[in-house]
Amino acid sequence: MFFRRDYSTPGPGIRPDEPEKTGPARLLQIIQLEAGSVFLLNLLFLACCIPVITIPPAIFAMNQVIRKMMLDRPVLCFYDFRTAFCTFWKQSYIAFFLVALPLVGAGFGAGFYLLRAGENPVMFAPFLVCSTIFLVTLLSSGCLYGALGAGMKLGPALRLALALGVGKPLRPLLSALVGYGLLLFGILQLPISLIYVLALGFSLPCLLGNFFLRTLLRDYCPATEEEEREE
């Protein structure tokens, strides 16, 4: 079956005694094993975004399915997406507005004050405030989705996301550059990139962004009870 791997019978996959690969080799291994699921996940995401109001749960569900791939858990794409969509819908709206509002507001403010800073140097102060809020939100956003998806309550999840985004910025920065950058590139290149956007334009940036965060989330975000039962 193209979109479903059989984990109960021998076949292609990762042997239990095989040392875990790292870096590009690990990324290629994940893509090889999950190519069909990544494609289907993109279609599911787009279909669930059609009502517009369901965009936050769709984003959260996509991140949850990708999280299972990063943890090398068995993935049943449609079932896992639907389950996460229905289970985490409250968390999804919280995460969406905690990320979207500061990014949009601080991004607009940074641009607004920067344009006026040439005439009035005092405008550099609010520009620095807005740009700092924008950068911190950008670095913490992926960690926030991971922490909430791991079952953490909002307060601890937000504190952890900020601590990882600010205190360990390298991987969150790579995640943001690749994830948001590739997503923005695909959207800006429409209609030339239409086939790419429909096939992989959202799920692939999500996968790559989560790939850079996988060790941070694995070390600092506890597995849920369901994930522990799957081990």
Protein backbone atom coordinates (compact mmCIF):
# COMPACT_ATOMS: atom_id res chain seq x y z
CA MET A 1 0.00 0.00 0.00
CA PHE A 2 1.42 3.35 -1.06
CA PHE A 3 0.41 5.50 1.91
CA ARG A 4 0.73 2.93 4.67
CA ARG A 5 3.65 0.96 5.99
CA ASP A 6 3.17 -2.46 7.56
CA TYR A 7 5.09 -2.43 10.83
CA SER A 8 4.07 -5.95 11.82
CA THR A 9 5.94 -7.79 9.06
CA PRO A 10 9.57 -7.72 7.95
CA GLY A 11 10.36 -5.41 5.10
CA PRO A 12 12.10 -2.14 4.18
CA GLY A 13 12.61 0.14 7.13
CA ILE A 14 14.97 0.77 10.03
CA ARG A 15 16.33 -2.35 11.72
CA PRO A 16 15.98 -2.28 15.52
CA ASP A 17 19.73 -2.84 15.98
CA GLU A 18 20.75 -0.25 13.38
CA PRO A 19 22.56 2.80 14.85
CA GLU A 20 20.56 5.99 14.43
CA LYS A 21 21.76 8.08 11.52
CA THR A 22 22.32 11.79 11.92
CA GLY A 23 22.43 14.87 9.74
CA PRO A 24 21.63 14.64 6.03
CA ALA A 25 21.70 10.83 6.13
CA ARG A 26 18.93 10.78 8.72
CA LEU A 27 16.90 13.33 6.76
CA LEU A 28 17.17 11.28 3.56
CA GLN A 29 16.19 8.18 5.52
CA ILE A 30 13.03 9.86 6.83
CA ILE A 31 12.10 11.16 3.38
CA GLN A 32 12.66 7.73 1.84
CA LEU A 33 10.46 6.01 4.40
CA GLU A 34 7.74 8.68 4.60
CA ALA A 35 7.56 10.03 1.01
CA GLY A 36 4.03 8.75 0.44
CA SER A 37 2.80 10.01 3.81
CA VAL A 38 4.32 13.45 3.22
CA PHE A 39 2.49 13.72 -0.11
CA LEU A 40 -0.83 12.56 1.37
CA LEU A 41 -0.36 14.83 4.36
CA ASN A 42 -0.07 17.86 2.08
CA LEU A 43 -3.34 16.94 0.35
CA LEU A 44 -5.11 16.44 3.69
CA PHE A 45 -3.82 19.78 4.94
CA LEU A 46 -5.01 21.66 1.87
CA ALA A 47 -8.43 19.99 1.97
CA CYS A 48 -8.89 20.87 5.64
CA CYS A 49 -7.87 24.49 5.03
CA ILE A 50 -10.69 25.11 2.54
CA PRO A 51 -13.17 26.33 5.20
CA VAL A 52 -10.42 28.82 6.33
CA ILE A 53 -11.56 28.69 9.96
CA THR A 54 -10.05 25.20 10.19
CA ILE A 55 -6.55 26.37 9.23
CA PRO A 56 -5.23 26.35 12.86
CA PRO A 57 -6.30 22.73 13.55
CA ALA A 58 -4.93 21.69 10.15
CA ILE A 59 -1.54 23.25 10.94
CA PHE A 60 -1.44 21.58 14.34
CA ALA A 61 -2.48 18.19 12.95
CA MET A 62 0.19 18.37 10.25
CA ASN A 63 2.83 19.12 12.87
CA GLN A 64 1.62 16.19 14.96
CA VAL A 65 1.95 13.73 12.07
CA ILE A 66 5.42 15.08 11.28
CA ARG A 67 6.31 14.73 14.97
CA LYS A 68 5.56 11.01 14.77
CA MET A 69 7.86 10.73 11.77
CA MET A 70 10.65 12.49 13.66
CA LEU A 71 10.19 10.09 16.59
CA ASP A 72 10.23 7.11 14.20
CA ARG A 73 6.69 6.12 15.19
CA PRO A 74 4.37 4.18 12.85
CA VAL A 75 2.39 6.69 10.79
CA LEU A 76 -1.12 6.07 9.47
CA CYS A 77 -1.46 9.43 7.79
CA PHE A 78 -5.23 9.84 7.47
CA TYR A 79 -5.99 8.35 10.90
CA ASP A 80 -3.23 10.29 12.70
CA PHE A 81 -4.15 13.55 10.99
CA ARG A 82 -7.85 13.17 11.78
CA THR A 83 -7.12 12.19 15.39
CA ALA A 84 -4.81 15.16 15.97
CA PHE A 85 -7.24 17.49 14.20
CA CYS A 86 -10.09 16.47 16.53
CA THR A 87 -8.03 16.11 19.71
CA PHE A 88 -5.91 19.25 19.66
CA TRP A 89 -8.31 21.78 18.13
CA LYS A 90 -8.32 23.97 21.26
CA GLN A 91 -4.53 23.97 21.50
CA SER A 92 -4.32 24.67 17.79
CA TYR A 93 -6.13 28.01 18.03
CA ILE A 94 -4.06 29.03 21.04
CA ALA A 95 -0.81 28.17 19.25
CA PHE A 96 -1.93 29.84 16.03
CA PHE A 97 -2.80 33.18 17.61
CA LEU A 98 0.24 33.14 19.92
CA VAL A 99 2.40 32.83 16.80
CA ALA A 100 0.46 34.71 14.12
CA LEU A 101 -0.48 37.86 16.05
CA PRO A 102 3.06 38.72 17.26
CA LEU A 103 4.58 37.87 13.87
CA VAL A 104 2.13 40.02 11.91
CA GLY A 105 1.97 42.86 14.44
CA ALA A 106 5.69 43.02 15.18
CA GLY A 107 6.59 42.54 11.51
CA PHE A 108 4.36 45.43 10.47
CA GLY A 109 5.65 47.57 13.33
CA ALA A 110 9.30 46.87 12.50
CA GLY A 111 8.78 47.90 8.90
CA PHE A 112 6.77 50.97 9.89
CA TYR A 113 9.35 52.30 12.35
CA LEU A 114 12.33 51.41 10.18
CA LEU A 115 11.03 53.59 7.35
CA ARG A 116 10.77 56.54 9.73
CA ALA A 117 14.05 55.93 11.53
CA GLY A 118 15.99 57.76 8.81
CA GLU A 119 14.16 60.99 9.58
CA ASN A 120 13.91 60.50 13.32
CA PRO A 121 16.58 58.32 15.05
CA VAL A 122 14.25 57.92 18.04
CA MET A 123 12.21 55.52 15.88
CA PHE A 124 15.05 52.99 16.16
CA ALA A 125 13.93 52.20 19.71
CA PRO A 126 10.43 50.90 18.81
CA PHE A 127 11.95 49.26 15.73
CA LEU A 128 14.30 47.26 17.95
CA VAL A 129 11.41 46.28 20.23
CA CYS A 130 9.26 45.10 17.31
CA SER A 131 12.12 43.27 15.58
CA THR A 132 13.03 41.51 18.85
CA ILE A 133 9.44 40.36 19.38
CA PHE A 134 9.31 39.16 15.76
CA LEU A 135 12.58 37.22 16.04
CA VAL A 136 11.74 35.62 19.41
CA THR A 137 8.32 34.54 18.13
CA LEU A 138 9.85 33.14 14.96
CA LEU A 139 12.42 31.10 16.89
CA SER A 140 9.94 29.87 19.49
CA SER A 141 7.02 28.97 17.22
CA GLY A 142 8.16 25.48 16.22
CA CYS A 143 9.05 24.61 19.81
CA LEU A 144 5.62 25.81 21.00
CA TYR A 145 3.83 23.48 18.58
CA GLY A 146 6.07 20.62 19.67
CA ALA A 147 5.56 21.27 23.38
CA LEU A 148 1.77 21.59 23.11
CA GLY A 149 1.66 18.51 20.88
CA ALA A 150 3.58 16.58 23.52
CA GLY A 151 0.74 17.21 25.96
CA MET A 152 2.25 20.06 27.98
CA LYS A 153 -0.07 22.68 29.44
CA LEU A 154 -0.02 26.15 27.91
CA GLY A 155 2.07 27.87 30.62
CA PRO A 156 4.92 25.33 30.77
CA ALA A 157 4.82 24.87 26.98
CA LEU A 158 5.15 28.62 26.37
CA ARG A 159 7.99 28.95 28.87
CA LEU A 160 9.80 26.00 27.34
CA ALA A 161 9.34 27.32 23.80
CA LEU A 162 10.75 30.71 24.78
CA ALA A 163 13.64 29.12 26.67
CA LEU A 164 14.59 26.93 23.71
CA GLY A 165 14.07 29.66 21.13
CA VAL A 166 16.19 32.21 23.02
CA GLY A 167 18.55 29.96 24.96
CA LYS A 168 19.32 27.45 22.19
CA PRO A 169 18.71 29.51 19.05
CA LEU A 170 20.80 27.63 16.46
CA ARG A 171 18.39 24.81 15.65
CA PRO A 172 15.25 26.99 15.95
CA LEU A 173 16.91 29.48 13.58
CA LEU A 174 17.70 26.78 11.02
CA SER A 175 14.17 25.44 11.43
CA ALA A 176 12.63 28.87 10.83
CA LEU A 177 14.86 29.69 7.85
CA VAL A 178 14.18 26.39 6.10
CA GLY A 179 10.55 25.90 7.13
CA TYR A 180 9.18 29.42 6.74
CA GLY A 181 11.61 30.28 3.94
CA LEU A 182 10.67 27.33 1.74
CA LEU A 183 6.98 27.88 2.45
CA LEU A 184 7.19 31.58 1.56
CA PHE A 185 9.21 30.85 -1.57
CA GLY A 186 6.60 28.40 -2.84
CA ILE A 187 3.74 30.85 -2.23
CA LEU A 188 5.54 33.81 -3.82
CA GLN A 189 6.36 31.77 -6.93
CA LEU A 190 2.70 31.01 -7.68
CA PRO A 191 1.39 30.11 -10.25
CA ILE A 192 4.73 28.68 -11.47
CA SER A 193 5.05 26.62 -8.28
CA LEU A 194 1.42 25.44 -8.26
CA ILE A 195 2.20 21.73 -8.72
CA TYR A 196 4.84 21.87 -5.97
CA VAL A 197 2.50 23.70 -3.59
CA LEU A 198 -0.30 21.20 -4.18
CA ALA A 199 1.97 18.17 -3.79
CA LEU A 200 4.53 19.14 -1.13
CA GLY A 201 4.39 22.89 -0.58
CA PHE A 202 3.26 22.74 3.06
CA SER A 203 4.16 19.29 4.37
CA LEU A 204 7.77 19.36 3.14
CA PRO A 205 8.65 22.70 4.80
CA CYS A 206 6.96 21.40 7.96
CA LEU A 207 9.04 18.22 7.82
CA LEU A 208 12.30 20.09 7.25
CA GLY A 209 11.53 22.60 9.98
CA ASN A 210 10.72 19.87 12.48
CA PHE A 211 13.81 17.93 11.45
CA PHE A 212 16.08 20.63 12.85
CA LEU A 213 14.05 20.71 16.08
CA ARG A 214 13.80 16.95 16.55
CA THR A 215 16.63 16.57 19.09
CA LEU A 216 15.53 19.59 21.13
CA LEU A 217 11.94 18.39 21.28
CA ARG A 218 13.02 14.82 21.99
CA ASP A 219 15.22 15.94 24.90
CA TYR A 220 12.93 18.55 26.44
CA CYS A 221 9.39 17.51 25.50
CA PRO A 222 8.18 14.34 27.25
CA ALA A 223 6.43 11.74 25.13
CA THR A 224 2.68 11.42 25.53
CA GLU A 225 1.18 8.28 27.07
CA GLU A 226 0.07 7.16 23.61
CA GLU A 227 3.59 7.53 22.25
CA GLU A 228 5.03 5.59 25.19
CA ARG A 229 2.63 2.71 24.48
CA GLU A 230 3.83 2.62 20.87
CA GLU A 231 7.49 2.14 21.87
